[in-house]
């Protein structure tokens, strides 16, 4: 089963205008819009998972630091 996602990018919004430029550049390289969006979302998810992992590690380091500072 397929789902359709549709959205518009506003040229008056700097971030959306920049996103449109990125999409157009990748399409110019021969990639489909579908490929560009799927790849971007997967990279965003991996980066978010890495951020979560780093936050857990930092919490552990802080906990260890508190034990040694007493």
PDB file of N, CA and C in Angstrom:
ATOM      1  N   UNK A   1       0.830  -1.175   0.000  1.00  0.00           N
ATOM      2  CA  UNK A   1       0.000   0.000   0.000  1.00  0.00           C
ATOM      3  C   UNK A   1       0.883   1.250   0.000  1.00  0.00           C
ATOM      4  N   UNK A   2       0.519   2.238  -0.753  1.00  0.00           N
ATOM      5  CA  UNK A   2       1.248   3.506  -0.827  1.00  0.00           C
ATOM      6  C   UNK A   2       0.428   4.620  -0.195  1.00  0.00           C
ATOM      7  N   UNK A   3       1.118   5.564   0.399  1.00  0.00           N
ATOM      8  CA  UNK A   3       0.484   6.768   0.925  1.00  0.00           C
ATOM      9  C   UNK A   3       1.070   7.953   0.185  1.00  0.00           C
ATOM     10  N   UNK A   4       0.267   8.958   0.019  1.00  0.00           N
ATOM     11  CA  UNK A   4       0.708  10.169  -0.669  1.00  0.00           C
ATOM     12  C   UNK A   4       0.910  11.267   0.368  1.00  0.00           C
ATOM     13  N   UNK A   5       2.071  11.904   0.318  1.00  0.00           N
ATOM     14  CA  UNK A   5       2.365  13.046   1.161  1.00  0.00           C
ATOM     15  C   UNK A   5       2.599  14.227   0.226  1.00  0.00           C
ATOM     16  N   UNK A   6       1.931  15.314   0.510  1.00  0.00           N
ATOM     17  CA  UNK A   6       2.029  16.487  -0.344  1.00  0.00           C
ATOM     18  C   UNK A   6       2.278  17.715   0.520  1.00  0.00           C
ATOM     19  N   UNK A   7       3.159  18.584   0.083  1.00  0.00           N
ATOM     20  CA  UNK A   7       3.413  19.820   0.806  1.00  0.00           C
ATOM     21  C   UNK A   7       3.931  20.877  -0.156  1.00  0.00           C
ATOM     22  N   UNK A   8       3.863  22.105   0.276  1.00  0.00           N
ATOM     23  CA  UNK A   8       4.351  23.226  -0.517  1.00  0.00           C
ATOM     24  C   UNK A   8       5.481  23.902   0.228  1.00  0.00           C
ATOM     25  N   UNK A   9       6.437  24.423  -0.520  1.00  0.00           N
ATOM     26  CA  UNK A   9       7.523  25.186   0.074  1.00  0.00           C
ATOM     27  C   UNK A   9       7.354  26.643  -0.313  1.00  0.00           C
ATOM     28  N   UNK A  10       7.362  27.514   0.675  1.00  0.00           N
ATOM     29  CA  UNK A  10       7.128  28.931   0.486  1.00  0.00           C
ATOM     30  C   UNK A  10       8.453  29.642   0.209  1.00  0.00           C
ATOM     31  N   UNK A  11       8.569  30.282  -0.936  1.00  0.00           N
ATOM     32  CA  UNK A  11       9.795  31.006  -1.281  1.00  0.00           C
ATOM     33  C   UNK A  11      10.049  32.198  -0.366  1.00  0.00           C
ATOM     34  N   UNK A  12       9.026  32.671   0.340  1.00  0.00           N
ATOM     35  CA  UNK A  12       9.194  33.795   1.265  1.00  0.00           C
ATOM     36  C   UNK A  12       9.753  33.355   2.619  1.00  0.00           C
ATOM     37  N   UNK A  13       9.800  32.048   2.844  1.00  0.00           N
ATOM     38  CA  UNK A  13      10.368  31.496   4.066  1.00  0.00           C
ATOM     39  C   UNK A  13      11.793  31.056   3.726  1.00  0.00           C
ATOM     40  N   UNK A  14      12.816  31.673   4.348  1.00  0.00           N
ATOM     41  CA  UNK A  14      14.209  31.359   3.977  1.00  0.00           C
ATOM     42  C   UNK A  14      14.567  29.867   4.068  1.00  0.00           C
ATOM     43  N   UNK A  15      14.122  29.189   5.107  1.00  0.00           N
ATOM     44  CA  UNK A  15      14.455  27.757   5.253  1.00  0.00           C
ATOM     45  C   UNK A  15      13.773  26.927   4.175  1.00  0.00           C
ATOM     46  N   UNK A  16      12.526  27.258   3.873  1.00  0.00           N
ATOM     47  CA  UNK A  16      11.812  26.511   2.842  1.00  0.00           C
ATOM     48  C   UNK A  16      12.372  26.806   1.463  1.00  0.00           C
ATOM     49  N   UNK A  17      12.778  28.039   1.248  1.00  0.00           N
ATOM     50  CA  UNK A  17      13.399  28.395  -0.029  1.00  0.00           C
ATOM     51  C   UNK A  17      14.717  27.646  -0.208  1.00  0.00           C
ATOM     52  N   UNK A  18      15.488  27.572   0.868  1.00  0.00           N
ATOM     53  CA  UNK A  18      16.757  26.834   0.822  1.00  0.00           C
ATOM     54  C   UNK A  18      16.498  25.347   0.591  1.00  0.00           C
ATOM     55  N   UNK A  19      15.467  24.805   1.227  1.00  0.00           N
ATOM     56  CA  UNK A  19      15.122  23.392   1.025  1.00  0.00           C
ATOM     57  C   UNK A  19      14.770  23.136  -0.435  1.00  0.00           C
ATOM     58  N   UNK A  20      14.027  24.050  -1.035  1.00  0.00           N
ATOM     59  CA  UNK A  20      13.663  23.907  -2.441  1.00  0.00           C
ATOM     60  C   UNK A  20      14.907  23.906  -3.311  1.00  0.00           C
ATOM     61  N   UNK A  21      15.859  24.777  -3.013  1.00  0.00           N
ATOM     62  CA  UNK A  21      17.104  24.833  -3.777  1.00  0.00           C
ATOM     63  C   UNK A  21      17.886  23.528  -3.664  1.00  0.00           C
ATOM     64  N   UNK A  22      17.914  22.969  -2.465  1.00  0.00           N
ATOM     65  CA  UNK A  22      18.610  21.687  -2.260  1.00  0.00           C
ATOM     66  C   UNK A  22      17.931  20.586  -3.067  1.00  0.00           C
ATOM     67  N   UNK A  23      16.611  20.539  -2.990  1.00  0.00           N
ATOM     68  CA  UNK A  23      15.857  19.529  -3.749  1.00  0.00           C
ATOM     69  C   UNK A  23      16.142  19.666  -5.236  1.00  0.00           C
ATOM     70  N   UNK A  24      16.081  20.895  -5.737  1.00  0.00           N
ATOM     71  CA  UNK A  24      16.307  21.116  -7.166  1.00  0.00           C
ATOM     72  C   UNK A  24      17.722  20.721  -7.576  1.00  0.00           C
ATOM     73  N   UNK A  25      18.698  20.981  -6.701  1.00  0.00           N
ATOM     74  CA  UNK A  25      20.087  20.603  -7.013  1.00  0.00           C
ATOM     75  C   UNK A  25      20.222  19.086  -7.113  1.00  0.00           C
ATOM     76  N   UNK A  26      19.630  18.358  -6.178  1.00  0.00           N
ATOM     77  CA  UNK A  26      19.709  16.896  -6.202  1.00  0.00           C
ATOM     78  C   UNK A  26      18.959  16.319  -7.397  1.00  0.00           C
ATOM     79  N   UNK A  27      17.812  16.907  -7.722  1.00  0.00           N
ATOM     80  CA  UNK A  27      17.073  16.458  -8.899  1.00  0.00           C
ATOM     81  C   UNK A  27      17.904  16.718 -10.151  1.00  0.00           C
ATOM     82  N   UNK A  28      18.624  17.836 -10.153  1.00  0.00           N
ATOM     83  CA  UNK A  28      19.521  18.138 -11.260  1.00  0.00           C
ATOM     84  C   UNK A  28      20.636  17.119 -11.417  1.00  0.00           C
ATOM     85  N   UNK A  29      20.969  16.434 -10.326  1.00  0.00           N
ATOM     86  CA  UNK A  29      21.997  15.382 -10.357  1.00  0.00           C
ATOM     87  C   UNK A  29      21.413  14.041 -10.787  1.00  0.00           C
ATOM     88  N   UNK A  30      20.098  14.011 -10.986  1.00  0.00           N
ATOM     89  CA  UNK A  30      19.467  12.784 -11.468  1.00  0.00           C
ATOM     90  C   UNK A  30      18.682  12.003 -10.433  1.00  0.00           C
ATOM     91  N   UNK A  31      18.612  12.514  -9.217  1.00  0.00           N
ATOM     92  CA  UNK A  31      17.859  11.823  -8.177  1.00  0.00           C
ATOM     93  C   UNK A  31      16.387  12.225  -8.249  1.00  0.00           C
ATOM     94  N   UNK A  32      15.512  11.338  -7.827  1.00  0.00           N
ATOM     95  CA  UNK A  32      14.087  11.657  -7.787  1.00  0.00           C
ATOM     96  C   UNK A  32      13.773  12.393  -6.483  1.00  0.00           C
ATOM     97  N   UNK A  33      12.684  13.133  -6.484  1.00  0.00           N
ATOM     98  CA  UNK A  33      12.247  13.819  -5.275  1.00  0.00           C
ATOM     99  C   UNK A  33      12.021  12.806  -4.153  1.00  0.00           C
ATOM    100  N   UNK A  34      11.435  11.696  -4.500  1.00  0.00           N
ATOM    101  CA  UNK A  34      11.181  10.636  -3.517  1.00  0.00           C
ATOM    102  C   UNK A  34      12.486  10.178  -2.873  1.00  0.00           C
ATOM    103  N   UNK A  35      13.515   9.959  -3.677  1.00  0.00           N
ATOM    104  CA  UNK A  35      14.812   9.508  -3.163  1.00  0.00           C
ATOM    105  C   UNK A  35      15.412  10.565  -2.232  1.00  0.00           C
ATOM    106  N   UNK A  36      15.365  11.820  -2.645  1.00  0.00           N
ATOM    107  CA  UNK A  36      15.944  12.907  -1.848  1.00  0.00           C
ATOM    108  C   UNK A  36      15.281  12.977  -0.475  1.00  0.00           C
ATOM    109  N   UNK A  37      13.975  12.936  -0.448  1.00  0.00           N
ATOM    110  CA  UNK A  37      13.247  13.058   0.816  1.00  0.00           C
ATOM    111  C   UNK A  37      13.474  11.839   1.708  1.00  0.00           C
ATOM    112  N   UNK A  38      13.429  10.658   1.134  1.00  0.00           N
ATOM    113  CA  UNK A  38      13.651   9.437   1.922  1.00  0.00           C
ATOM    114  C   UNK A  38      15.055   9.444   2.523  1.00  0.00           C
ATOM    115  N   UNK A  39      16.069   9.780   1.733  1.00  0.00           N
ATOM    116  CA  UNK A  39      17.443   9.809   2.240  1.00  0.00           C
ATOM    117  C   UNK A  39      17.595  10.856   3.343  1.00  0.00           C
ATOM    118  N   UNK A  40      17.013  12.029   3.137  1.00  0.00           N
ATOM    119  CA  UNK A  40      17.119  13.099   4.136  1.00  0.00           C
ATOM    120  C   UNK A  40      16.473  12.682   5.454  1.00  0.00           C
ATOM    121  N   UNK A  41      15.319  12.051   5.378  1.00  0.00           N
ATOM    122  CA  UNK A  41      14.635  11.614   6.598  1.00  0.00           C
ATOM    123  C   UNK A  41      15.409  10.516   7.310  1.00  0.00           C
ATOM    124  N   UNK A  42      16.014   9.623   6.557  1.00  0.00           N
ATOM    125  CA  UNK A  42      16.799   8.561   7.198  1.00  0.00           C
ATOM    126  C   UNK A  42      18.031   9.136   7.882  1.00  0.00           C
ATOM    127  N   UNK A  43      18.685  10.088   7.249  1.00  0.00           N
ATOM    128  CA  UNK A  43      19.856  10.729   7.860  1.00  0.00           C
ATOM    129  C   UNK A  43      19.446  11.482   9.119  1.00  0.00           C
ATOM    130  N   UNK A  44      18.312  12.157   9.068  1.00  0.00           N
ATOM    131  CA  UNK A  44      17.808  12.877  10.229  1.00  0.00           C
ATOM    132  C   UNK A  44      17.530  11.923  11.387  1.00  0.00           C
ATOM    133  N   UNK A  45      16.975  10.777  11.092  1.00  0.00           N
ATOM    134  CA  UNK A  45      16.682   9.781  12.130  1.00  0.00           C
ATOM    135  C   UNK A  45      17.968   9.247  12.756  1.00  0.00           C
ATOM    136  N   UNK A  46      18.956   8.939  11.937  1.00  0.00           N
ATOM    137  CA  UNK A  46      20.236   8.431  12.460  1.00  0.00           C
ATOM    138  C   UNK A  46      20.892   9.491  13.334  1.00  0.00           C
ATOM    139  N   UNK A  47      20.874  10.724  12.875  1.00  0.00           N
ATOM    140  CA  UNK A  47      21.477  11.812  13.650  1.00  0.00           C
ATOM    141  C   UNK A  47      20.760  11.983  14.989  1.00  0.00           C
ATOM    142  N   UNK A  48      19.440  11.843  14.982  1.00  0.00           N
ATOM    143  CA  UNK A  48      18.668  11.948  16.219  1.00  0.00           C
ATOM    144  C   UNK A  48      19.011  10.803  17.164  1.00  0.00           C
ATOM    145  N   UNK A  49      19.171   9.587  16.625  1.00  0.00           N
ATOM    146  CA  UNK A  49      19.539   8.440  17.457  1.00  0.00           C
ATOM    147  C   UNK A  49      20.930   8.645  18.058  1.00  0.00           C
ATOM    148  N   UNK A  50      21.855   9.185  17.267  1.00  0.00           N
ATOM    149  CA  UNK A  50      23.210   9.440  17.766  1.00  0.00           C
ATOM    150  C   UNK A  50      23.177  10.497  18.866  1.00  0.00           C
ATOM    151  N   UNK A  51      22.353  11.525  18.682  1.00  0.00           N
ATOM    152  CA  UNK A  51      22.216  12.578  19.686  1.00  0.00           C
ATOM    153  C   UNK A  51      21.686  11.987  20.980  1.00  0.00           C
ATOM    154  N   UNK A  52      20.677  11.123  20.884  1.00  0.00           N
ATOM    155  CA  UNK A  52      20.122  10.478  22.075  1.00  0.00           C
ATOM    156  C   UNK A  52      21.189   9.645  22.777  1.00  0.00           C
ATOM    157  N   UNK A  53      22.002   8.915  21.998  1.00  0.00           N
ATOM    158  CA  UNK A  53      23.061   8.097  22.572  1.00  0.00           C
ATOM    159  C   UNK A  53      24.088   8.967  23.284  1.00  0.00           C
ATOM    160  N   UNK A  54      24.459  10.083  22.670  1.00  0.00           N
ATOM    161  CA  UNK A  54      25.435  10.979  23.288  1.00  0.00           C
ATOM    162  C   UNK A  54      24.889  11.587  24.583  1.00  0.00           C
ATOM    163  N   UNK A  55      23.610  11.894  24.607  1.00  0.00           N
ATOM    164  CA  UNK A  55      23.021  12.446  25.821  1.00  0.00           C
ATOM    165  C   UNK A  55      23.052  11.424  26.953  1.00  0.00           C
ATOM    166  N   UNK A  56      22.816  10.162  26.641  1.00  0.00           N
ATOM    167  CA  UNK A  56      22.876   9.104  27.657  1.00  0.00           C
ATOM    168  C   UNK A  56      24.306   8.986  28.187  1.00  0.00           C
ATOM    169  N   UNK A  57      25.276   9.010  27.294  1.00  0.00           N
ATOM    170  CA  UNK A  57      26.685   8.912  27.699  1.00  0.00           C
ATOM    171  C   UNK A  57      27.070  10.112  28.570  1.00  0.00           C
ATOM    172  N   UNK A  58      26.643  11.307  28.175  1.00  0.00           N
ATOM    173  CA  UNK A  58      26.953  12.493  28.975  1.00  0.00           C
ATOM    174  C   UNK A  58      26.337  12.407  30.365  1.00  0.00           C
ATOM    175  N   UNK A  59      25.134  11.900  30.455  1.00  0.00           N
ATOM    176  CA  UNK A  59      24.496  11.731  31.772  1.00  0.00           C
ATOM    177  C   UNK A  59      25.306  10.765  32.637  1.00  0.00           C
ATOM    178  N   UNK A  60      25.801   9.685  32.030  1.00  0.00           N
ATOM    179  CA  UNK A  60      26.606   8.717  32.770  1.00  0.00           C
ATOM    180  C   UNK A  60      27.914   9.352  33.237  1.00  0.00           C
ATOM    181  N   UNK A  61      28.531  10.142  32.354  1.00  0.00           N
ATOM    182  CA  UNK A  61      29.782  10.814  32.721  1.00  0.00           C
ATOM    183  C   UNK A  61      29.533  11.800  33.857  1.00  0.00           C
ATOM    184  N   UNK A  62      28.435  12.541  33.785  1.00  0.00           N
ATOM    185  CA  UNK A  62      28.103  13.485  34.855  1.00  0.00           C
ATOM    186  C   UNK A  62      27.880  12.746  36.182  1.00  0.00           C
ATOM    187  N   UNK A  63      27.213  11.615  36.117  1.00  0.00           N
ATOM    188  CA  UNK A  63      26.947  10.829  37.323  1.00  0.00           C
ATOM    189  C   UNK A  63      28.265  10.350  37.940  1.00  0.00           C
ATOM    190  N   UNK A  64      29.178   9.889  37.095  1.00  0.00           N
ATOM    191  CA  UNK A  64      30.483   9.424  37.584  1.00  0.00           C
ATOM    192  C   UNK A  64      31.246  10.602  38.178  1.00  0.00           C
ATOM    193  N   UNK A  65      31.198  11.748  37.491  1.00  0.00           N
ATOM    194  CA  UNK A  65      31.886  12.941  37.982  1.00  0.00           C
ATOM    195  C   UNK A  65      31.384  13.379  39.332  1.00  0.00           C
ATOM    196  N   UNK A  66      30.085  13.278  39.551  1.00  0.00           N
ATOM    197  CA  UNK A  66      29.509  13.643  40.848  1.00  0.00           C
ATOM    198  C   UNK A  66      30.011  12.719  41.952  1.00  0.00           C
ATOM    199  N   UNK A  67      30.165  11.444  41.649  1.00  0.00           N
ATOM    200  CA  UNK A  67      30.645  10.484  42.643  1.00  0.00           C
ATOM    201  C   UNK A  67      32.071  10.809  43.068  1.00  0.00           C
ATOM    202  N   UNK A  68      32.924  11.226  42.092  1.00  0.00           N
ATOM    203  CA  UNK A  68      34.318  11.495  42.399  1.00  0.00           C
ATOM    204  C   UNK A  68      34.531  12.882  43.003  1.00  0.00           C
ATOM    205  N   UNK A  69      33.586  13.784  42.810  1.00  0.00           N
ATOM    206  CA  UNK A  69      33.765  15.140  43.341  1.00  0.00           C
ATOM    207  C   UNK A  69      33.383  15.242  44.815  1.00  0.00           C
ATOM    208  N   UNK A  70      32.788  14.194  45.363  1.00  0.00           N
ATOM    209  CA  UNK A  70      32.374  14.205  46.772  1.00  0.00           C
ATOM    210  C   UNK A  70      33.499  13.832  47.680  1.00  0.00           C
TER     211      UNK A  70
END
